[in-house]
C-alpha atoms as a PDB file:
ATOM      1  CA  UNK A   1      36.852 -31.651 -66.870  1.00  0.00           C
ATOM      2  CA  UNK A   2      34.743 -34.289 -65.108  1.00  0.00           C
ATOM      3  CA  UNK A   3      34.071 -34.218 -61.469  1.00  0.00           C
ATOM      4  CA  UNK A   4      31.455 -34.941 -58.936  1.00  0.00           C
ATOM      5  CA  UNK A   5      30.614 -32.699 -56.009  1.00  0.00           C
ATOM      6  CA  UNK A   6      28.582 -34.052 -53.126  1.00  0.00           C
ATOM      7  CA  UNK A   7      26.291 -31.978 -51.126  1.00  0.00           C
ATOM      8  CA  UNK A   8      25.218 -33.367 -47.542  1.00  0.00           C
ATOM      9  CA  UNK A   9      22.110 -32.063 -46.266  1.00  0.00           C
ATOM     10  CA  UNK A  10      22.054 -32.093 -42.468  1.00  0.00           C
ATOM     11  CA  UNK A  11      18.510 -32.755 -40.944  1.00  0.00           C
ATOM     12  CA  UNK A  12      16.731 -29.862 -39.100  1.00  0.00           C
ATOM     13  CA  UNK A  13      15.966 -30.580 -35.491  1.00  0.00           C
ATOM     14  CA  UNK A  14      12.681 -32.416 -34.786  1.00  0.00           C
ATOM     15  CA  UNK A  15       9.591 -29.868 -34.227  1.00  0.00           C
ATOM     16  CA  UNK A  16       8.243 -30.409 -30.800  1.00  0.00           C
ATOM     17  CA  UNK A  17       5.489 -28.435 -29.196  1.00  0.00           C
ATOM     18  CA  UNK A  18       5.870 -25.323 -26.874  1.00  0.00           C
ATOM     19  CA  UNK A  19       3.385 -25.741 -23.968  1.00  0.00           C
ATOM     20  CA  UNK A  20       2.387 -23.800 -20.861  1.00  0.00           C
ATOM     21  CA  UNK A  21       2.003 -19.971 -20.117  1.00  0.00           C
ATOM     22  CA  UNK A  22      -1.092 -18.253 -18.498  1.00  0.00           C
ATOM     23  CA  UNK A  23      -1.580 -15.466 -16.213  1.00  0.00           C
ATOM     24  CA  UNK A  24       0.381 -14.476 -13.306  1.00  0.00           C
ATOM     25  CA  UNK A  25       0.718 -11.574 -10.741  1.00  0.00           C
ATOM     26  CA  UNK A  26       3.458  -9.245 -11.734  1.00  0.00           C
ATOM     27  CA  UNK A  27       6.760  -9.948  -9.967  1.00  0.00           C
ATOM     28  CA  UNK A  28       5.002 -13.213  -8.771  1.00  0.00           C
ATOM     29  CA  UNK A  29       6.169 -17.049  -8.721  1.00  0.00           C
ATOM     30  CA  UNK A  30       5.156 -17.068 -12.550  1.00  0.00           C
ATOM     31  CA  UNK A  31       3.772 -19.898 -14.893  1.00  0.00           C
ATOM     32  CA  UNK A  32       5.450 -22.779 -16.327  1.00  0.00           C
ATOM     33  CA  UNK A  33       6.744 -23.052 -20.082  1.00  0.00           C
ATOM     34  CA  UNK A  34       7.972 -26.408 -21.287  1.00  0.00           C
ATOM     35  CA  UNK A  35       8.676 -28.351 -24.624  1.00  0.00           C
ATOM     36  CA  UNK A  36       6.705 -31.645 -24.744  1.00  0.00           C
ATOM     37  CA  UNK A  37      10.052 -33.530 -26.041  1.00  0.00           C
ATOM     38  CA  UNK A  38      13.478 -33.114 -26.999  1.00  0.00           C
ATOM     39  CA  UNK A  39      16.499 -34.781 -28.799  1.00  0.00           C
ATOM     40  CA  UNK A  40      19.830 -35.771 -27.598  1.00  0.00           C
ATOM     41  CA  UNK A  41      22.640 -33.650 -29.138  1.00  0.00           C
ATOM     42  CA  UNK A  42      20.377 -30.530 -29.546  1.00  0.00           C
ATOM     43  CA  UNK A  43      19.947 -27.472 -27.331  1.00  0.00           C
ATOM     44  CA  UNK A  44      16.738 -25.473 -26.934  1.00  0.00           C
ATOM     45  CA  UNK A  45      16.596 -21.727 -26.321  1.00  0.00           C
ATOM     46  CA  UNK A  46      13.592 -19.995 -24.932  1.00  0.00           C
ATOM     47  CA  UNK A  47      12.771 -16.625 -26.297  1.00  0.00           C
ATOM     48  CA  UNK A  48      10.245 -13.912 -25.630  1.00  0.00           C
ATOM     49  CA  UNK A  49       9.443 -11.412 -28.337  1.00  0.00           C
ATOM     50  CA  UNK A  50      12.064 -13.091 -30.481  1.00  0.00           C
ATOM     51  CA  UNK A  51      14.935 -12.114 -27.670  1.00  0.00           C
ATOM     52  CA  UNK A  52      16.715 -14.920 -25.959  1.00  0.00           C
ATOM     53  CA  UNK A  53      15.968 -15.322 -22.205  1.00  0.00           C
ATOM     54  CA  UNK A  54      18.006 -17.582 -19.980  1.00  0.00           C
ATOM     55  CA  UNK A  55      20.487 -20.100 -20.789  1.00  0.00           C
ATOM     56  CA  UNK A  56      19.813 -22.924 -23.552  1.00  0.00           C
ATOM     57  CA  UNK A  57      18.576 -26.243 -22.313  1.00  0.00           C
ATOM     58  CA  UNK A  58      20.428 -29.337 -23.385  1.00  0.00           C
ATOM     59  CA  UNK A  59      18.045 -32.028 -25.156  1.00  0.00           C
ATOM     60  CA  UNK A  60      17.333 -35.290 -23.053  1.00  0.00           C
ATOM     61  CA  UNK A  61      15.197 -37.330 -25.263  1.00  0.00           C
ATOM     62  CA  UNK A  62      12.126 -36.405 -23.021  1.00  0.00           C
ATOM     63  CA  UNK A  63      10.136 -33.089 -22.257  1.00  0.00           C
ATOM     64  CA  UNK A  64      12.485 -30.167 -20.901  1.00  0.00           C
ATOM     65  CA  UNK A  65      11.031 -27.435 -18.502  1.00  0.00           C
ATOM     66  CA  UNK A  66      12.160 -23.610 -18.872  1.00  0.00           C
ATOM     67  CA  UNK A  67      11.109 -22.899 -15.326  1.00  0.00           C
ATOM     68  CA  UNK A  68       8.574 -20.455 -14.058  1.00  0.00           C
ATOM     69  CA  UNK A  69       8.081 -17.101 -16.172  1.00  0.00           C
ATOM     70  CA  UNK A  70       6.429 -13.887 -14.962  1.00  0.00           C
ATOM     71  CA  UNK A  71       7.422 -11.429 -17.716  1.00  0.00           C
ATOM     72  CA  UNK A  72       4.576 -10.300 -20.174  1.00  0.00           C
ATOM     73  CA  UNK A  73       5.101 -11.650 -23.579  1.00  0.00           C
ATOM     74  CA  UNK A  74       4.810 -14.409 -26.109  1.00  0.00           C
ATOM     75  CA  UNK A  75       7.474 -17.227 -25.625  1.00  0.00           C
ATOM     76  CA  UNK A  76       8.907 -19.341 -28.700  1.00  0.00           C
ATOM     77  CA  UNK A  77      11.684 -22.079 -28.412  1.00  0.00           C
ATOM     78  CA  UNK A  78      14.429 -22.441 -31.189  1.00  0.00           C
ATOM     79  CA  UNK A  79      16.305 -25.682 -31.283  1.00  0.00           C
ATOM     80  CA  UNK A  80      19.999 -26.050 -32.514  1.00  0.00           C
ATOM     81  CA  UNK A  81      21.841 -29.092 -33.695  1.00  0.00           C
ATOM     82  CA  UNK A  82      25.058 -28.825 -31.602  1.00  0.00           C
ATOM     83  CA  UNK A  83      27.111 -30.613 -34.173  1.00  0.00           C
ATOM     84  CA  UNK A  84      26.109 -28.862 -37.179  1.00  0.00           C
ATOM     85  CA  UNK A  85      24.567 -25.485 -36.004  1.00  0.00           C
ATOM     86  CA  UNK A  86      21.397 -26.208 -38.006  1.00  0.00           C
ATOM     87  CA  UNK A  87      18.195 -24.515 -36.282  1.00  0.00           C
ATOM     88  CA  UNK A  88      14.557 -24.694 -36.301  1.00  0.00           C
ATOM     89  CA  UNK A  89      11.744 -23.215 -34.497  1.00  0.00           C
ATOM     90  CA  UNK A  90       9.624 -25.363 -32.358  1.00  0.00           C
ATOM     91  CA  UNK A  91       5.948 -25.736 -32.806  1.00  0.00           C
ATOM     92  CA  UNK A  92       3.570 -22.841 -31.219  1.00  0.00           C
ATOM     93  CA  UNK A  93       4.156 -20.619 -28.405  1.00  0.00           C
ATOM     94  CA  UNK A  94       3.248 -19.867 -25.003  1.00  0.00           C
ATOM     95  CA  UNK A  95       1.813 -16.522 -23.803  1.00  0.00           C
ATOM     96  CA  UNK A  96       2.310 -15.042 -20.258  1.00  0.00           C
ATOM     97  CA  UNK A  97       0.078 -12.253 -19.031  1.00  0.00           C
ATOM     98  CA  UNK A  98       1.436 -10.487 -15.958  1.00  0.00           C
ATOM     99  CA  UNK A  99      -1.313  -9.001 -14.131  1.00  0.00           C
ATOM    100  CA  UNK A 100      -0.371  -5.652 -12.345  1.00  0.00           C
ATOM    101  CA  UNK A 101      -0.253  -5.283  -8.645  1.00  0.00           C
ATOM    102  CA  UNK A 102      -2.764  -3.030  -6.974  1.00  0.00           C
ATOM    103  CA  UNK A 103      -1.426  -0.029  -5.409  1.00  0.00           C
ATOM    104  CA  UNK A 104      -3.436   1.998  -2.855  1.00  0.00           C
ATOM    105  CA  UNK A 105      -4.637   5.400  -3.646  1.00  0.00           C
ATOM    106  CA  UNK A 106      -6.092   6.785  -0.321  1.00  0.00           C
ATOM    107  CA  UNK A 107      -7.515  10.086   0.436  1.00  0.00           C
ATOM    108  CA  UNK A 108      -6.942  10.991   3.856  1.00  0.00           C
ATOM    109  CA  UNK A 109      -9.589  13.636   4.568  1.00  0.00           C
ATOM    110  CA  UNK A 110      -8.726  14.251   8.320  1.00  0.00           C
ATOM    111  CA  UNK A 111      -4.893  13.550   8.894  1.00  0.00           C
ATOM    112  CA  UNK A 112      -5.190  15.427  12.188  1.00  0.00           C
ATOM    113  CA  UNK A 113      -8.351  15.198  14.337  1.00  0.00           C
ATOM    114  CA  UNK A 114      -9.441  16.073  17.988  1.00  0.00           C
ATOM    115  CA  UNK A 115      -9.949  13.210  20.499  1.00  0.00           C
ATOM    116  CA  UNK A 116     -13.540  11.522  20.063  1.00  0.00           C
ATOM    117  CA  UNK A 117     -13.645  12.481  16.173  1.00  0.00           C
ATOM    118  CA  UNK A 118     -13.708   9.965  13.493  1.00  0.00           C
ATOM    119  CA  UNK A 119     -11.010   9.169  10.989  1.00  0.00           C
ATOM    120  CA  UNK A 120     -11.995   9.458   7.280  1.00  0.00           C
ATOM    121  CA  UNK A 121      -9.539   7.517   4.888  1.00  0.00           C
ATOM    122  CA  UNK A 122     -11.253   6.721   1.774  1.00  0.00           C
ATOM    123  CA  UNK A 123      -9.641   3.627  -0.085  1.00  0.00           C
ATOM    124  CA  UNK A 124      -8.992   3.367  -3.954  1.00  0.00           C
ATOM    125  CA  UNK A 125      -6.620   1.554  -5.946  1.00  0.00           C
ATOM    126  CA  UNK A 126      -4.827   1.360  -9.322  1.00  0.00           C
ATOM    127  CA  UNK A 127      -6.575  -2.033 -10.114  1.00  0.00           C
ATOM    128  CA  UNK A 128     -10.354  -1.608 -10.317  1.00  0.00           C
ATOM    129  CA  UNK A 129     -12.378  -4.025  -8.000  1.00  0.00           C
ATOM    130  CA  UNK A 130      -9.503  -4.313  -5.506  1.00  0.00           C
ATOM    131  CA  UNK A 131     -10.158  -4.811  -1.837  1.00  0.00           C
ATOM    132  CA  UNK A 132      -8.525  -3.693   1.287  1.00  0.00           C
ATOM    133  CA  UNK A 133      -7.593  -5.003   4.829  1.00  0.00           C
ATOM    134  CA  UNK A 134      -5.444  -3.011   7.508  1.00  0.00           C
ATOM    135  CA  UNK A 135      -3.804  -2.988  10.837  1.00  0.00           C
ATOM    136  CA  UNK A 136      -3.960  -0.247  13.313  1.00  0.00           C
ATOM    137  CA  UNK A 137      -1.207   0.523  15.721  1.00  0.00           C
ATOM    138  CA  UNK A 138      -1.600   3.379  18.501  1.00  0.00           C
ATOM    139  CA  UNK A 139       1.395   5.329  19.681  1.00  0.00           C
ATOM    140  CA  UNK A 140       0.052   5.024  23.407  1.00  0.00           C
ATOM    141  CA  UNK A 141      -2.139   2.791  25.293  1.00  0.00           C
ATOM    142  CA  UNK A 142      -4.066   6.054  26.138  1.00  0.00           C
ATOM    143  CA  UNK A 143      -5.146   6.298  22.624  1.00  0.00           C
ATOM    144  CA  UNK A 144      -8.141   3.891  21.838  1.00  0.00           C
ATOM    145  CA  UNK A 145     -10.711   3.300  19.275  1.00  0.00           C
ATOM    146  CA  UNK A 146      -8.263   2.051  16.560  1.00  0.00           C
ATOM    147  CA  UNK A 147      -8.522  -1.532  15.389  1.00  0.00           C
ATOM    148  CA  UNK A 148      -7.484  -3.962  12.592  1.00  0.00           C
ATOM    149  CA  UNK A 149      -9.553  -4.742   9.818  1.00  0.00           C
ATOM    150  CA  UNK A 150      -9.306  -8.601   8.680  1.00  0.00           C
ATOM    151  CA  UNK A 151     -12.498  -8.744   6.373  1.00  0.00           C
ATOM    152  CA  UNK A 152     -11.786  -7.187   3.179  1.00  0.00           C
ATOM    153  CA  UNK A 153     -13.175  -3.910   2.498  1.00  0.00           C
ATOM    154  CA  UNK A 154     -14.259  -3.101  -0.990  1.00  0.00           C
ATOM    155  CA  UNK A 155     -12.734  -0.175  -3.254  1.00  0.00           C
ATOM    156  CA  UNK A 156     -14.238   3.091  -2.379  1.00  0.00           C
ATOM    157  CA  UNK A 157     -14.855   2.090   1.284  1.00  0.00           C
ATOM    158  CA  UNK A 158     -13.387   4.139   4.262  1.00  0.00           C
ATOM    159  CA  UNK A 159     -11.340   3.593   7.416  1.00  0.00           C
ATOM    160  CA  UNK A 160     -13.876   5.494   9.800  1.00  0.00           C
ATOM    161  CA  UNK A 161     -12.889   4.755  13.599  1.00  0.00           C
ATOM    162  CA  UNK A 162     -13.717   6.902  16.767  1.00  0.00           C
ATOM    163  CA  UNK A 163     -10.271   7.714  18.078  1.00  0.00           C
ATOM    164  CA  UNK A 164     -10.022   8.877  21.784  1.00  0.00           C
ATOM    165  CA  UNK A 165      -6.869  10.281  23.319  1.00  0.00           C
ATOM    166  CA  UNK A 166      -7.088  10.356  27.182  1.00  0.00           C
ATOM    167  CA  UNK A 167      -3.320  11.626  27.393  1.00  0.00           C
ATOM    168  CA  UNK A 168      -2.168  15.189  27.551  1.00  0.00           C
ATOM    169  CA  UNK A 169      -0.223  15.065  24.244  1.00  0.00           C
ATOM    170  CA  UNK A 170      -0.752  14.411  20.740  1.00  0.00           C
ATOM    171  CA  UNK A 171      -0.716  10.680  19.749  1.00  0.00           C
ATOM    172  CA  UNK A 172      -0.697   8.904  16.379  1.00  0.00           C
ATOM    173  CA  UNK A 173      -2.533   5.824  14.945  1.00  0.00           C
ATOM    174  CA  UNK A 174      -0.613   4.228  12.019  1.00  0.00           C
ATOM    175  CA  UNK A 175      -2.648   2.473   9.569  1.00  0.00           C
ATOM    176  CA  UNK A 176      -0.907  -0.194   7.364  1.00  0.00           C
ATOM    177  CA  UNK A 177      -2.986  -0.910   4.414  1.00  0.00           C
ATOM    178  CA  UNK A 178      -2.871  -4.081   2.072  1.00  0.00           C
ATOM    179  CA  UNK A 179      -4.479  -4.152  -1.266  1.00  0.00           C
ATOM    180  CA  UNK A 180      -5.654  -7.237  -2.911  1.00  0.00           C
ATOM    181  CA  UNK A 181      -6.547  -7.366  -6.555  1.00  0.00           C
ATOM    182  CA  UNK A 182      -9.713  -9.306  -8.133  1.00  0.00           C
ATOM    183  CA  UNK A 183     -10.182 -12.974  -8.558  1.00  0.00           C
ATOM    184  CA  UNK A 184      -8.770 -15.478  -9.519  1.00  0.00           C
ATOM    185  CA  UNK A 185      -5.235 -14.435  -9.077  1.00  0.00           C
ATOM    186  CA  UNK A 186      -5.969 -12.052  -6.079  1.00  0.00           C
ATOM    187  CA  UNK A 187      -2.567 -10.303  -6.491  1.00  0.00           C
ATOM    188  CA  UNK A 188      -1.449  -8.649  -3.325  1.00  0.00           C
ATOM    189  CA  UNK A 189       0.059  -5.189  -3.750  1.00  0.00           C
ATOM    190  CA  UNK A 190       2.497  -3.110  -1.832  1.00  0.00           C
ATOM    191  CA  UNK A 191       1.275  -1.829   1.547  1.00  0.00           C
ATOM    192  CA  UNK A 192       0.639   1.603   2.241  1.00  0.00           C
ATOM    193  CA  UNK A 193       1.192   3.431   5.622  1.00  0.00           C
ATOM    194  CA  UNK A 194      -1.262   6.218   6.609  1.00  0.00           C
ATOM    195  CA  UNK A 195      -1.044   8.211   9.873  1.00  0.00           C
ATOM    196  CA  UNK A 196      -3.601  10.070  11.706  1.00  0.00           C
ATOM    197  CA  UNK A 197      -2.824  12.643  14.561  1.00  0.00           C
ATOM    198  CA  UNK A 198      -5.030  12.554  17.477  1.00  0.00           C
ATOM    199  CA  UNK A 199      -5.120  15.853  19.628  1.00  0.00           C
ATOM    200  CA  UNK A 200      -6.205  15.423  23.357  1.00  0.00           C
ATOM    201  CA  UNK A 201      -9.360  17.018  24.193  1.00  0.00           C
ATOM    202  CA  UNK A 202      -8.539  20.334  25.958  1.00  0.00           C
ATOM    203  CA  UNK A 203      -9.075  20.889  29.816  1.00  0.00           C
ATOM    204  CA  UNK A 204      -9.188  23.961  31.876  1.00  0.00           C
ATOM    205  CA  UNK A 205      -8.637  24.739  35.533  1.00  0.00           C
ATOM    206  CA  UNK A 206      -9.534  27.918  37.163  1.00  0.00           C
ATOM    207  CA  UNK A 207      -7.351  29.330  40.007  1.00  0.00           C
ATOM    208  CA  UNK A 208      -8.942  30.118  43.411  1.00  0.00           C
ATOM    209  CA  UNK A 209     -11.940  32.447  44.175  1.00  0.00           C
ATOM    210  CA  UNK A 210     -11.015  36.019  45.088  1.00  0.00           C
ATOM    211  CA  UNK A 211     -12.595  38.815  46.876  1.00  0.00           C
ATOM    212  CA  UNK A 212     -12.006  42.399  45.760  1.00  0.00           C
ATOM    213  CA  UNK A 213     -13.357  45.815  46.904  1.00  0.00           C
ATOM    214  CA  UNK A 214     -15.761  47.646  44.306  1.00  0.00           C
ATOM    215  CA  UNK A 215     -13.522  49.278  41.571  1.00  0.00           C
ATOM    216  CA  UNK A 216     -10.547  47.023  42.275  1.00  0.00           C
ATOM    217  CA  UNK A 217      -8.966  44.785  39.896  1.00  0.00           C
ATOM    218  CA  UNK A 218      -8.149  40.944  39.810  1.00  0.00           C
ATOM    219  CA  UNK A 219      -7.083  38.326  37.543  1.00  0.00           C
ATOM    220  CA  UNK A 220      -8.637  35.078  36.379  1.00  0.00           C
ATOM    221  CA  UNK A 221      -6.298  32.440  36.489  1.00  0.00           C
ATOM    222  CA  UNK A 222      -6.548  29.729  33.852  1.00  0.00           C
ATOM    223  CA  UNK A 223      -4.435  26.402  33.397  1.00  0.00           C
ATOM    224  CA  UNK A 224      -4.963  24.446  30.246  1.00  0.00           C
ATOM    225  CA  UNK A 225      -3.911  21.163  28.842  1.00  0.00           C
ATOM    226  CA  UNK A 226      -4.108  19.925  25.304  1.00  0.00           C
ATOM    227  CA  UNK A 227      -2.702  20.947  21.976  1.00  0.00           C
ATOM    228  CA  UNK A 228      -1.417  24.554  21.724  1.00  0.00           C
ATOM    229  CA  UNK A 229      -2.616  27.240  21.190  1.00  0.00           C
ATOM    230  CA  UNK A 230      -5.859  27.797  23.003  1.00  0.00           C
ATOM    231  CA  UNK A 231      -8.919  30.047  22.236  1.00  0.00           C
ATOM    232  CA  UNK A 232     -10.898  30.763  25.601  1.00  0.00           C
ATOM    233  CA  UNK A 233     -14.187  32.043  25.754  1.00  0.00           C
ATOM    234  CA  UNK A 234     -15.564  33.500  29.095  1.00  0.00           C
ATOM    235  CA  UNK A 235     -18.363  35.505  30.302  1.00  0.00           C
ATOM    236  CA  UNK A 236     -17.854  38.552  32.712  1.00  0.00           C
ATOM    237  CA  UNK A 237     -21.506  38.467  33.785  1.00  0.00           C
ATOM    238  CA  UNK A 238     -22.897  40.595  30.902  1.00  0.00           C
ATOM    239  CA  UNK A 239     -21.079  39.301  27.655  1.00  0.00           C
ATOM    240  CA  UNK A 240     -18.931  36.636  26.133  1.00  0.00           C
ATOM    241  CA  UNK A 241     -15.272  37.681  25.706  1.00  0.00           C
ATOM    242  CA  UNK A 242     -12.919  35.772  23.357  1.00  0.00           C
ATOM    243  CA  UNK A 243      -9.180  35.308  24.133  1.00  0.00           C
ATOM    244  CA  UNK A 244      -7.064  33.811  21.120  1.00  0.00           C
ATOM    245  CA  UNK A 245      -3.630  32.504  20.940  1.00  0.00           C
ATOM    246  CA  UNK A 246      -3.563  31.439  24.749  1.00  0.00           C
ATOM    247  CA  UNK A 247      -0.773  29.366  26.232  1.00  0.00           C
ATOM    248  CA  UNK A 248      -1.213  26.687  28.704  1.00  0.00           C
ATOM    249  CA  UNK A 249      -1.103  29.300  31.711  1.00  0.00           C
ATOM    250  CA  UNK A 250      -2.922  32.412  31.414  1.00  0.00           C
ATOM    251  CA  UNK A 251      -3.782  35.502  33.644  1.00  0.00           C
ATOM    252  CA  UNK A 252      -6.753  37.684  32.501  1.00  0.00           C
ATOM    253  CA  UNK A 253      -7.060  41.112  34.413  1.00  0.00           C
ATOM    254  CA  UNK A 254     -11.000  41.670  35.182  1.00  0.00           C
ATOM    255  CA  UNK A 255     -12.650  44.442  36.953  1.00  0.00           C
ATOM    256  CA  UNK A 256     -16.159  43.280  37.869  1.00  0.00           C
ATOM    257  CA  UNK A 257     -18.819  45.631  39.265  1.00  0.00           C
ATOM    258  CA  UNK A 258     -20.758  42.734  41.013  1.00  0.00           C
ATOM    259  CA  UNK A 259     -20.092  39.239  42.190  1.00  0.00           C
ATOM    260  CA  UNK A 260     -19.560  37.245  39.058  1.00  0.00           C
ATOM    261  CA  UNK A 261     -18.908  33.617  38.410  1.00  0.00           C
END
């Protein structure tokens, strides 16, 4: 038997160029990826690592944009003829590198200090070469010495501030630290909150003077302010005597043999 079979060959989509890509901050705005031209009647699918990402874009006869991308990977574009289903990869690829955000790795050497002592918070980051700024918030106007830092401090630097607590109770300074990565992106990482407790300087007040007969007993009357408990050292005229774990008010029996201050 004689016959003729005709095979029609549908043309593949025209090959256009994938453009864009670059470096961006992790989780940031991203960088643009585009196709420098397109044909009507075709759809264009962006892929990263061979996996489709986002919805296909319809051809317009001009360049098309796939928007801003911030996910690490190599991006390619596949074109599909909407009528025939024929597909072809577009020329080239675009690479996106997402630079990691710096995280604060601080060492708070003195989380609790006494009034008039210095803080000692050493600043490091997960991204070498990062810098740091911070704000400082005192829990009470009677706590002074804490200040903001707006000029960046290099990695390995410290927050060293002399904090003075003029109140009668423990107060707190809250430092909010912001890390910034290296140039040219200067990616800003998540803030870290570090607290330093500042105990007030203790004070002591003695009771009234007393006069006793030789061989009799009286009591020293102490009244203290500051963070409990207290350790008191007093001199009975001949030697120092230490009393530990003292509350805010204390009566110490004494029997001096001579007039003693």
